[in-house]
Amino acid sequence: MSNTVPAAMAVILSGPSGVGKSTVCRNLFNQLSSTGFSVSCTTRAPRPGEQQGVHYNFVSQEEFAVRRDQGEFLEWAEVHGQFYGTLKSEVFPRLAAGTNVILDIDVQGARQILGNIAGSALVQHFLTVFMAPPSLNALAERLRGRRTEDAAAIQRRLEAGLQELQHWREYDYLLINDNADAAAAALAAIITAAKCRTTMQNKEPWL
């Protein structure tokens, strides 16, 4: 990264469905300036209320395949016959401009990204945070509180969440979301501290 722009961080944020990642991120953007959200690509159809470029970048399977084969993705996966991925163009230009970027990525995607940037100068600009609920009961209540899925779907999400929770030690930081404002403040502190690491300085900043 250039010395003419502030150091910036790409935060790989993982956690089970219903843990509150979206809410915490919205609060974070109000607390920490120059921070944005990476919008993933998907081949699935938009759901009611979803907007192109806001919730997802909706593309055809053909376009996704072309962009994948051209190496445009930091990570990608196939889920139930649909493709999802994180474009490099959603991340690298922001880092170069001194803007922090949050990537809402699952465990497998996080591993892909770390593998793809291993050994490069980009490593120091990435950090990983795992967000967990204060209890499994709290996670179940949050899922039920959405009132968007039936009991069977909620149970499937809980079972998937239990599997994902087993991987928290693979991350740099563990963030317990008991209160969205407090969790956002903690995440802002993590980002701020990471940007102060000596490895983030290309030269003596006082010269």
C-alpha atoms as a PDB file:
ATOM      1  CA  MET A   1       0.000   0.000   0.000  1.00  0.00           C
ATOM      2  CA  SER A   2       1.133   3.545  -0.697  1.00  0.00           C
ATOM      3  CA  ASN A   3       2.546   5.786   2.030  1.00  0.00           C
ATOM      4  CA  THR A   4       0.245   8.571   0.777  1.00  0.00           C
ATOM      5  CA  VAL A   5      -2.946   6.884   2.037  1.00  0.00           C
ATOM      6  CA  PRO A   6      -3.818   5.717   5.561  1.00  0.00           C
ATOM      7  CA  ALA A   7      -3.318   2.064   6.395  1.00  0.00           C
ATOM      8  CA  ALA A   8      -6.541   0.115   5.972  1.00  0.00           C
ATOM      9  CA  MET A   9      -7.779  -3.293   7.061  1.00  0.00           C
ATOM     10  CA  ALA A  10      -9.858  -5.998   5.411  1.00  0.00           C
ATOM     11  CA  VAL A  11     -11.800  -7.765   8.155  1.00  0.00           C
ATOM     12  CA  ILE A  12     -12.939 -11.321   7.469  1.00  0.00           C
ATOM     13  CA  LEU A  13     -15.982 -11.615   9.743  1.00  0.00           C
ATOM     14  CA  SER A  14     -17.478 -15.058  10.322  1.00  0.00           C
ATOM     15  CA  GLY A  15     -20.124 -16.456  12.626  1.00  0.00           C
ATOM     16  CA  PRO A  16     -23.304 -18.518  12.618  1.00  0.00           C
ATOM     17  CA  SER A  17     -26.493 -17.303  11.000  1.00  0.00           C
ATOM     18  CA  GLY A  18     -28.469 -15.188  13.452  1.00  0.00           C
ATOM     19  CA  VAL A  19     -25.466 -14.055  15.489  1.00  0.00           C
ATOM     20  CA  GLY A  20     -26.043 -10.444  14.437  1.00  0.00           C
ATOM     21  CA  LYS A  21     -23.211  -9.692  12.018  1.00  0.00           C
ATOM     22  CA  SER A  22     -25.287  -7.316   9.860  1.00  0.00           C
ATOM     23  CA  THR A  23     -26.558  -5.314  12.836  1.00  0.00           C
ATOM     24  CA  VAL A  24     -23.105  -5.014  14.371  1.00  0.00           C
ATOM     25  CA  CYS A  25     -21.654  -3.898  11.029  1.00  0.00           C
ATOM     26  CA  ARG A  26     -24.310  -1.192  10.607  1.00  0.00           C
ATOM     27  CA  ASN A  27     -23.413   0.120  14.055  1.00  0.00           C
ATOM     28  CA  LEU A  28     -19.709  -0.126  13.226  1.00  0.00           C
ATOM     29  CA  PHE A  29     -20.107   2.067  10.140  1.00  0.00           C
ATOM     30  CA  ASN A  30     -21.610   4.770  12.362  1.00  0.00           C
ATOM     31  CA  GLN A  31     -18.715   4.523  14.803  1.00  0.00           C
ATOM     32  CA  LEU A  32     -15.708   4.111  12.508  1.00  0.00           C
ATOM     33  CA  SER A  33     -15.273   6.346   9.494  1.00  0.00           C
ATOM     34  CA  SER A  34     -13.821   5.138   6.194  1.00  0.00           C
ATOM     35  CA  THR A  35     -15.267   1.648   6.619  1.00  0.00           C
ATOM     36  CA  GLY A  36     -17.430  -0.140   4.061  1.00  0.00           C
ATOM     37  CA  PHE A  37     -18.952  -3.497   3.270  1.00  0.00           C
ATOM     38  CA  SER A  38     -17.861  -5.947   0.589  1.00  0.00           C
ATOM     39  CA  VAL A  39     -20.884  -6.904  -1.535  1.00  0.00           C
ATOM     40  CA  SER A  40     -20.713 -10.554  -2.608  1.00  0.00           C
ATOM     41  CA  CYS A  41     -21.659 -11.943  -6.008  1.00  0.00           C
ATOM     42  CA  THR A  42     -24.323 -14.610  -6.334  1.00  0.00           C
ATOM     43  CA  THR A  43     -26.111 -16.461  -9.102  1.00  0.00           C
ATOM     44  CA  ARG A  44     -29.304 -16.942  -7.107  1.00  0.00           C
ATOM     45  CA  ALA A  45     -32.336 -14.797  -7.838  1.00  0.00           C
ATOM     46  CA  PRO A  46     -32.968 -11.709  -5.681  1.00  0.00           C
ATOM     47  CA  ARG A  47     -35.358 -12.195  -2.787  1.00  0.00           C
ATOM     48  CA  PRO A  48     -38.134  -9.673  -2.070  1.00  0.00           C
ATOM     49  CA  GLY A  49     -36.606  -6.391  -0.946  1.00  0.00           C
ATOM     50  CA  GLU A  50     -33.045  -7.209  -2.065  1.00  0.00           C
ATOM     51  CA  GLN A  51     -31.342  -4.612  -4.245  1.00  0.00           C
ATOM     52  CA  GLN A  52     -28.632  -5.086  -6.845  1.00  0.00           C
ATOM     53  CA  GLY A  53     -25.284  -3.843  -5.570  1.00  0.00           C
ATOM     54  CA  VAL A  54     -26.590  -3.390  -2.026  1.00  0.00           C
ATOM     55  CA  HIS A  55     -27.383  -6.868  -0.716  1.00  0.00           C
ATOM     56  CA  TYR A  56     -25.604  -8.781  -3.496  1.00  0.00           C
ATOM     57  CA  ASN A  57     -24.235  -8.353  -6.980  1.00  0.00           C
ATOM     58  CA  PHE A  58     -26.647 -10.631  -8.846  1.00  0.00           C
ATOM     59  CA  VAL A  59     -25.083 -12.234 -11.929  1.00  0.00           C
ATOM     60  CA  SER A  60     -25.861 -15.117 -14.266  1.00  0.00           C
ATOM     61  CA  GLN A  61     -24.112 -18.467 -13.879  1.00  0.00           C
ATOM     62  CA  GLU A  62     -22.368 -17.795 -17.192  1.00  0.00           C
ATOM     63  CA  GLU A  63     -20.981 -14.446 -16.032  1.00  0.00           C
ATOM     64  CA  PHE A  64     -19.918 -15.925 -12.716  1.00  0.00           C
ATOM     65  CA  ALA A  65     -18.048 -18.734 -14.462  1.00  0.00           C
ATOM     66  CA  VAL A  66     -16.216 -16.299 -16.759  1.00  0.00           C
ATOM     67  CA  ARG A  67     -15.168 -14.045 -13.891  1.00  0.00           C
ATOM     68  CA  ARG A  68     -14.117 -17.053 -11.818  1.00  0.00           C
ATOM     69  CA  ASP A  69     -11.985 -18.429 -14.650  1.00  0.00           C
ATOM     70  CA  GLN A  70     -10.390 -15.007 -15.096  1.00  0.00           C
ATOM     71  CA  GLY A  71      -9.304 -15.048 -11.442  1.00  0.00           C
ATOM     72  CA  GLU A  72     -11.502 -12.167 -10.319  1.00  0.00           C
ATOM     73  CA  PHE A  73     -12.606 -13.816  -7.062  1.00  0.00           C
ATOM     74  CA  LEU A  74     -10.811 -13.847  -3.718  1.00  0.00           C
ATOM     75  CA  GLU A  75     -13.008 -16.793  -2.770  1.00  0.00           C
ATOM     76  CA  TRP A  76     -16.044 -18.577  -4.163  1.00  0.00           C
ATOM     77  CA  ALA A  77     -18.260 -21.547  -3.395  1.00  0.00           C
ATOM     78  CA  GLU A  78     -21.230 -23.488  -4.720  1.00  0.00           C
ATOM     79  CA  VAL A  79     -24.165 -23.788  -2.323  1.00  0.00           C
ATOM     80  CA  HIS A  80     -27.274 -25.757  -3.284  1.00  0.00           C
ATOM     81  CA  GLY A  81     -26.545 -25.319  -6.983  1.00  0.00           C
ATOM     82  CA  GLN A  82     -25.936 -21.556  -6.760  1.00  0.00           C
ATOM     83  CA  PHE A  83     -22.589 -19.773  -6.728  1.00  0.00           C
ATOM     84  CA  TYR A  84     -21.362 -17.146  -4.283  1.00  0.00           C
ATOM     85  CA  GLY A  85     -18.084 -15.261  -4.301  1.00  0.00           C
ATOM     86  CA  THR A  86     -16.085 -12.242  -3.157  1.00  0.00           C
ATOM     87  CA  LEU A  87     -14.648 -10.105  -5.951  1.00  0.00           C
ATOM     88  CA  LYS A  88     -11.133  -8.736  -5.610  1.00  0.00           C
ATOM     89  CA  SER A  89     -12.545  -5.470  -6.984  1.00  0.00           C
ATOM     90  CA  GLU A  90     -14.706  -5.171  -3.856  1.00  0.00           C
ATOM     91  CA  VAL A  91     -11.633  -5.279  -1.617  1.00  0.00           C
ATOM     92  CA  PHE A  92      -8.316  -4.245  -3.150  1.00  0.00           C
ATOM     93  CA  PRO A  93      -9.302  -0.767  -4.460  1.00  0.00           C
ATOM     94  CA  ARG A  94     -10.734   0.145  -1.058  1.00  0.00           C
ATOM     95  CA  LEU A  95      -7.584  -0.910   0.742  1.00  0.00           C
ATOM     96  CA  ALA A  96      -5.499   1.108  -1.722  1.00  0.00           C
ATOM     97  CA  ALA A  97      -7.695   4.141  -1.007  1.00  0.00           C
ATOM     98  CA  GLY A  98      -7.272   3.757   2.764  1.00  0.00           C
ATOM     99  CA  THR A  99     -10.795   2.440   3.389  1.00  0.00           C
ATOM    100  CA  ASN A 100     -11.447  -0.468   5.741  1.00  0.00           C
ATOM    101  CA  VAL A 101     -13.643  -3.201   4.286  1.00  0.00           C
ATOM    102  CA  ILE A 102     -15.723  -5.851   6.064  1.00  0.00           C
ATOM    103  CA  LEU A 103     -16.140  -9.264   4.433  1.00  0.00           C
ATOM    104  CA  ASP A 104     -19.011 -11.378   5.783  1.00  0.00           C
ATOM    105  CA  ILE A 105     -17.518 -14.782   4.957  1.00  0.00           C
ATOM    106  CA  ASP A 106     -18.058 -18.318   6.227  1.00  0.00           C
ATOM    107  CA  VAL A 107     -15.266 -20.512   7.581  1.00  0.00           C
ATOM    108  CA  GLN A 108     -14.524 -22.179   4.240  1.00  0.00           C
ATOM    109  CA  GLY A 109     -14.385 -18.816   2.471  1.00  0.00           C
ATOM    110  CA  ALA A 110     -12.066 -17.423   5.121  1.00  0.00           C
ATOM    111  CA  ARG A 111      -9.688 -20.320   4.571  1.00  0.00           C
ATOM    112  CA  GLN A 112      -9.757 -19.732   0.819  1.00  0.00           C
ATOM    113  CA  ILE A 113      -8.907 -16.057   1.168  1.00  0.00           C
ATOM    114  CA  LEU A 114      -6.059 -16.658   3.600  1.00  0.00           C
ATOM    115  CA  GLY A 115      -4.676 -19.325   1.304  1.00  0.00           C
ATOM    116  CA  ASN A 116      -4.911 -17.044  -1.733  1.00  0.00           C
ATOM    117  CA  ILE A 117      -3.065 -14.133  -0.087  1.00  0.00           C
ATOM    118  CA  ALA A 118      -0.482 -16.245   1.780  1.00  0.00           C
ATOM    119  CA  GLY A 119       3.032 -15.013   1.182  1.00  0.00           C
ATOM    120  CA  SER A 120       1.945 -11.677  -0.298  1.00  0.00           C
ATOM    121  CA  ALA A 121       2.214  -8.155   1.104  1.00  0.00           C
ATOM    122  CA  LEU A 122      -1.579  -8.171   1.485  1.00  0.00           C
ATOM    123  CA  VAL A 123      -1.417 -10.471   4.505  1.00  0.00           C
ATOM    124  CA  GLN A 124      -0.775  -7.621   6.924  1.00  0.00           C
ATOM    125  CA  HIS A 125      -3.940  -5.858   5.739  1.00  0.00           C
ATOM    126  CA  PHE A 126      -6.221  -8.781   6.574  1.00  0.00           C
ATOM    127  CA  LEU A 127      -7.483  -9.852   9.985  1.00  0.00           C
ATOM    128  CA  THR A 128     -10.043 -12.451  10.983  1.00  0.00           C
ATOM    129  CA  VAL A 129     -12.789 -12.056  13.568  1.00  0.00           C
ATOM    130  CA  PHE A 130     -15.219 -14.741  14.677  1.00  0.00           C
ATOM    131  CA  MET A 131     -18.511 -13.471  16.095  1.00  0.00           C
ATOM    132  CA  ALA A 132     -20.302 -15.757  18.548  1.00  0.00           C
ATOM    133  CA  PRO A 133     -23.526 -15.478  20.566  1.00  0.00           C
ATOM    134  CA  PRO A 134     -23.463 -15.194  24.362  1.00  0.00           C
ATOM    135  CA  SER A 135     -25.242 -18.577  24.503  1.00  0.00           C
ATOM    136  CA  LEU A 136     -26.841 -21.143  22.228  1.00  0.00           C
ATOM    137  CA  ASN A 137     -30.243 -20.208  23.665  1.00  0.00           C
ATOM    138  CA  ALA A 138     -29.660 -16.598  22.638  1.00  0.00           C
ATOM    139  CA  LEU A 139     -28.794 -17.717  19.100  1.00  0.00           C
ATOM    140  CA  ALA A 140     -31.988 -19.782  18.883  1.00  0.00           C
ATOM    141  CA  GLU A 141     -34.077 -16.847  20.135  1.00  0.00           C
ATOM    142  CA  ARG A 142     -32.571 -14.511  17.559  1.00  0.00           C
ATOM    143  CA  LEU A 143     -33.355 -16.939  14.752  1.00  0.00           C
ATOM    144  CA  ARG A 144     -36.927 -17.360  15.962  1.00  0.00           C
ATOM    145  CA  GLY A 145     -37.255 -13.601  16.326  1.00  0.00           C
ATOM    146  CA  ARG A 146     -36.724 -13.100  12.606  1.00  0.00           C
ATOM    147  CA  ARG A 147     -40.069 -14.819  11.944  1.00  0.00           C
ATOM    148  CA  THR A 148     -38.923 -15.592   8.387  1.00  0.00           C
ATOM    149  CA  GLU A 149     -38.508 -19.374   8.609  1.00  0.00           C
ATOM    150  CA  ASP A 150     -40.371 -22.373   9.975  1.00  0.00           C
ATOM    151  CA  ALA A 151     -39.180 -24.520  12.886  1.00  0.00           C
ATOM    152  CA  ALA A 152     -37.439 -27.043  10.634  1.00  0.00           C
ATOM    153  CA  ALA A 153     -35.427 -24.341   8.855  1.00  0.00           C
ATOM    154  CA  ILE A 154     -34.448 -22.771  12.176  1.00  0.00           C
ATOM    155  CA  GLN A 155     -33.277 -26.149  13.437  1.00  0.00           C
ATOM    156  CA  ARG A 156     -31.122 -26.605  10.339  1.00  0.00           C
ATOM    157  CA  ARG A 157     -29.551 -23.195  10.873  1.00  0.00           C
ATOM    158  CA  LEU A 158     -28.874 -24.022  14.522  1.00  0.00           C
ATOM    159  CA  GLU A 159     -27.186 -27.289  13.581  1.00  0.00           C
ATOM    160  CA  ALA A 160     -25.080 -25.508  10.957  1.00  0.00           C
ATOM    161  CA  GLY A 161     -24.242 -22.821  13.519  1.00  0.00           C
ATOM    162  CA  LEU A 162     -23.017 -25.419  16.001  1.00  0.00           C
ATOM    163  CA  GLN A 163     -20.683 -26.779  13.353  1.00  0.00           C
ATOM    164  CA  GLU A 164     -19.374 -23.306  12.520  1.00  0.00           C
ATOM    165  CA  LEU A 165     -18.820 -22.421  16.173  1.00  0.00           C
ATOM    166  CA  GLN A 166     -16.292 -25.233  16.452  1.00  0.00           C
ATOM    167  CA  HIS A 167     -13.852 -23.291  14.266  1.00  0.00           C
ATOM    168  CA  TRP A 168     -13.534 -20.105  16.324  1.00  0.00           C
ATOM    169  CA  ARG A 169      -9.921 -20.805  17.296  1.00  0.00           C
ATOM    170  CA  GLU A 170      -8.890 -20.492  13.646  1.00  0.00           C
ATOM    171  CA  TYR A 171      -9.466 -16.725  13.890  1.00  0.00           C
ATOM    172  CA  ASP A 172      -7.367 -13.845  15.215  1.00  0.00           C
ATOM    173  CA  TYR A 173     -10.133 -12.496  17.448  1.00  0.00           C
ATOM    174  CA  LEU A 174     -13.263 -13.778  19.156  1.00  0.00           C
ATOM    175  CA  LEU A 175     -16.110 -11.276  19.532  1.00  0.00           C
ATOM    176  CA  ILE A 176     -19.123 -12.147  21.704  1.00  0.00           C
ATOM    177  CA  ASN A 177     -22.206 -10.274  20.516  1.00  0.00           C
ATOM    178  CA  ASP A 178     -24.260  -9.743  23.658  1.00  0.00           C
ATOM    179  CA  ASN A 179     -25.041  -6.139  22.727  1.00  0.00           C
ATOM    180  CA  ALA A 180     -24.765  -4.791  19.176  1.00  0.00           C
ATOM    181  CA  ASP A 181     -23.443  -1.358  20.180  1.00  0.00           C
ATOM    182  CA  ALA A 182     -20.803  -2.836  22.477  1.00  0.00           C
ATOM    183  CA  ALA A 183     -19.810  -5.453  19.895  1.00  0.00           C
ATOM    184  CA  ALA A 184     -19.449  -2.742  17.242  1.00  0.00           C
ATOM    185  CA  ALA A 185     -17.282  -0.680  19.577  1.00  0.00           C
ATOM    186  CA  ALA A 186     -15.098  -3.722  20.259  1.00  0.00           C
ATOM    187  CA  LEU A 187     -14.772  -4.414  16.534  1.00  0.00           C
ATOM    188  CA  ALA A 188     -13.821  -0.780  15.909  1.00  0.00           C
ATOM    189  CA  ALA A 189     -11.147  -1.084  18.615  1.00  0.00           C
ATOM    190  CA  ILE A 190      -9.786  -4.252  17.016  1.00  0.00           C
ATOM    191  CA  ILE A 191      -9.488  -2.534  13.632  1.00  0.00           C
ATOM    192  CA  THR A 192      -7.918   0.587  15.109  1.00  0.00           C
ATOM    193  CA  ALA A 193      -5.363  -1.453  17.058  1.00  0.00           C
ATOM    194  CA  ALA A 194      -4.511  -3.587  14.019  1.00  0.00           C
ATOM    195  CA  LYS A 195      -3.784  -0.460  11.986  1.00  0.00           C
ATOM    196  CA  CYS A 196      -1.296   0.652  14.655  1.00  0.00           C
ATOM    197  CA  ARG A 197       0.882  -2.464  14.317  1.00  0.00           C
ATOM    198  CA  THR A 198       4.470  -1.703  13.372  1.00  0.00           C
ATOM    199  CA  THR A 199       4.147  -4.052  10.390  1.00  0.00           C
ATOM    200  CA  MET A 200       1.547  -1.679   8.938  1.00  0.00           C
ATOM    201  CA  GLN A 201       4.057   1.181   8.719  1.00  0.00           C
ATOM    202  CA  ASN A 202       6.073   1.360   5.516  1.00  0.00           C
ATOM    203  CA  LYS A 203       8.360   4.036   6.968  1.00  0.00           C
ATOM    204  CA  GLU A 204       8.749   6.221  10.028  1.00  0.00           C
ATOM    205  CA  PRO A 205       5.508   8.255   9.979  1.00  0.00           C
ATOM    206  CA  TRP A 206       7.159  11.222  11.708  1.00  0.00           C
ATOM    207  CA  LEU A 207       9.622  11.750   8.841  1.00  0.00           C
END
